[in-house]
Amino acid sequence: MFTHPEIGTVGLSEEAAREQEPIEVYATSFRPMQTAFAGRPDRVLMKLIVSRATRKVLGCHIVAPGAGEMIQLAGIAIKMGATKEDFDRTVAVHPTMSEELVTMKTPVRTA
C-alpha cells in the first residue's frame, strides 16, 4: 500500500499465523539514517513471522519509506519457502534499511 509512511505486508499477520501454529516474532524499530541525519523523528517498523516447526517465514510487515520496494523482495522469498535461517545467511547491504530484515537474530516473542 503506497501511503505516507509506506506500508508493505505479505503473508500471514501475527494473529493469523498464531491461530494456525506456534510462531516466533522478530521485530525491530529504528530511526533510518536518511531522516535521522536531517533531524526528523521518523521511525521504521519491521516484523517477520516465523513458524517454530518449519522455520519458514510466514509473513513480513514493514512501515517505512520504500516499504513497497522492500516488501516485493520479501514476498519472493516467502513464496519460495525461505526459512529464517535463509534470511540470516543473506549478506546485509550496509547502510540500508532493508539490512534489518536479515540481521534480526532474537525473537521478541513466541506464541
Protein backbone atom coordinates (compact mmCIF):
# COMPACT_ATOMS: atom_id res chain seq x y z
CA MET A 1 0.00 0.00 0.00
CA PHE A 2 1.51 3.33 -1.01
CA THR A 3 0.74 5.65 1.88
CA HIS A 4 2.80 8.02 3.96
CA PRO A 5 4.58 6.35 5.57
CA GLU A 6 4.53 3.43 3.16
CA ILE A 7 3.16 0.13 4.45
CA GLY A 8 4.21 -3.21 3.00
CA THR A 9 2.74 -6.51 4.07
CA VAL A 10 2.96 -10.02 2.66
CA GLY A 11 1.91 -13.39 4.01
CA LEU A 12 0.22 -14.02 7.33
CA SER A 13 -0.33 -11.48 10.07
CA GLU A 14 0.95 -12.36 13.52
CA GLU A 15 -2.60 -13.05 14.67
CA ALA A 16 -3.50 -15.30 11.71
CA ALA A 17 -0.26 -17.27 11.99
CA ARG A 18 -0.71 -17.74 15.75
CA GLU A 19 -4.13 -19.32 15.10
CA GLN A 20 -2.55 -21.89 12.76
CA GLU A 21 0.64 -22.92 14.56
CA PRO A 22 3.31 -21.95 17.10
CA ILE A 23 5.33 -18.97 15.85
CA GLU A 24 8.25 -16.71 16.62
CA VAL A 25 8.04 -12.98 16.01
CA TYR A 26 11.13 -10.97 15.10
CA ALA A 27 10.67 -7.20 15.13
CA THR A 28 12.66 -4.00 15.08
CA SER A 29 12.00 -0.29 15.24
CA PHE A 30 14.63 2.34 14.49
CA ARG A 31 15.26 5.79 13.07
CA PRO A 32 16.56 5.47 9.49
CA MET A 33 19.76 7.38 8.75
CA GLN A 34 18.23 9.22 5.79
CA THR A 35 15.82 11.06 8.08
CA ALA A 36 17.70 10.92 11.40
CA PHE A 37 20.59 12.93 9.96
CA ALA A 38 18.07 15.55 8.86
CA GLY A 39 16.74 15.76 12.42
CA ARG A 40 13.37 14.21 11.60
CA PRO A 41 11.78 11.84 14.14
CA ASP A 42 10.55 9.26 11.57
CA ARG A 43 10.75 5.61 12.61
CA VAL A 44 10.85 2.35 10.68
CA LEU A 45 9.00 -0.77 11.86
CA MET A 46 9.74 -4.27 10.56
CA LYS A 47 8.36 -7.63 11.61
CA LEU A 48 8.96 -11.22 10.49
CA ILE A 49 6.56 -14.02 11.44
CA VAL A 50 8.31 -17.42 11.56
CA SER A 51 6.95 -20.96 12.01
CA ARG A 52 8.56 -22.60 15.03
CA ALA A 53 8.08 -26.05 13.46
CA THR A 54 9.36 -25.49 9.90
CA ARG A 55 11.32 -22.22 10.42
CA LYS A 56 9.64 -20.86 7.27
CA VAL A 57 8.97 -17.14 7.17
CA LEU A 58 5.17 -16.90 7.12
CA GLY A 59 4.80 -13.13 6.97
CA CYS A 60 6.67 -9.86 6.68
CA HIS A 61 5.39 -6.41 7.59
CA ILE A 62 7.18 -3.11 7.01
CA VAL A 63 6.28 0.50 7.76
CA ALA A 64 8.99 2.68 6.22
CA PRO A 65 9.94 4.92 3.34
CA GLY A 66 10.38 2.50 0.43
CA ALA A 67 8.34 -0.27 2.09
CA GLY A 68 6.72 -1.04 -1.27
CA GLU A 69 10.12 -1.84 -2.77
CA MET A 70 11.35 -3.88 0.19
CA ILE A 71 8.19 -5.96 0.60
CA GLN A 72 8.39 -7.15 -3.02
CA LEU A 73 11.67 -8.92 -2.29
CA ALA A 74 10.38 -10.36 0.97
CA GLY A 75 7.34 -11.64 -0.94
CA ILE A 76 9.53 -13.52 -3.40
CA ALA A 77 11.46 -15.14 -0.55
CA ILE A 78 8.27 -16.14 1.29
CA LYS A 79 6.71 -17.54 -1.89
CA MET A 80 9.84 -19.66 -2.41
CA GLY A 81 9.56 -21.07 1.12
CA ALA A 82 12.53 -19.24 2.64
CA THR A 83 13.34 -20.03 6.25
CA LYS A 84 14.54 -17.66 8.94
CA GLU A 85 17.97 -19.23 8.53
CA ASP A 86 17.88 -18.39 4.79
CA PHE A 87 17.25 -14.77 5.75
CA ASP A 88 20.07 -14.94 8.33
CA ARG A 89 22.54 -16.26 5.72
CA THR A 90 21.82 -13.33 3.40
CA VAL A 91 24.54 -10.69 3.29
CA ALA A 92 23.20 -7.41 4.66
CA VAL A 93 23.86 -4.41 2.44
CA HIS A 94 25.01 -1.54 4.67
CA PRO A 95 23.85 1.13 5.20
CA THR A 96 20.29 0.34 4.14
CA MET A 97 17.01 -0.03 5.97
CA SER A 98 16.46 -3.46 4.41
CA GLU A 99 19.55 -4.87 6.14
CA GLU A 100 17.44 -5.11 9.29
CA LEU A 101 15.37 -7.89 7.66
CA VAL A 102 18.40 -10.18 7.65
CA THR A 103 20.04 -9.11 10.93
CA MET A 104 17.18 -9.71 13.41
CA LYS A 105 18.57 -12.61 15.45
CA THR A 106 16.41 -12.86 18.58
CA PRO A 107 12.62 -13.24 18.63
CA VAL A 108 10.78 -10.55 20.56
CA ARG A 109 8.04 -13.04 21.43
CA THR A 110 6.79 -16.56 20.78
CA ALA A 111 3.24 -17.77 20.59
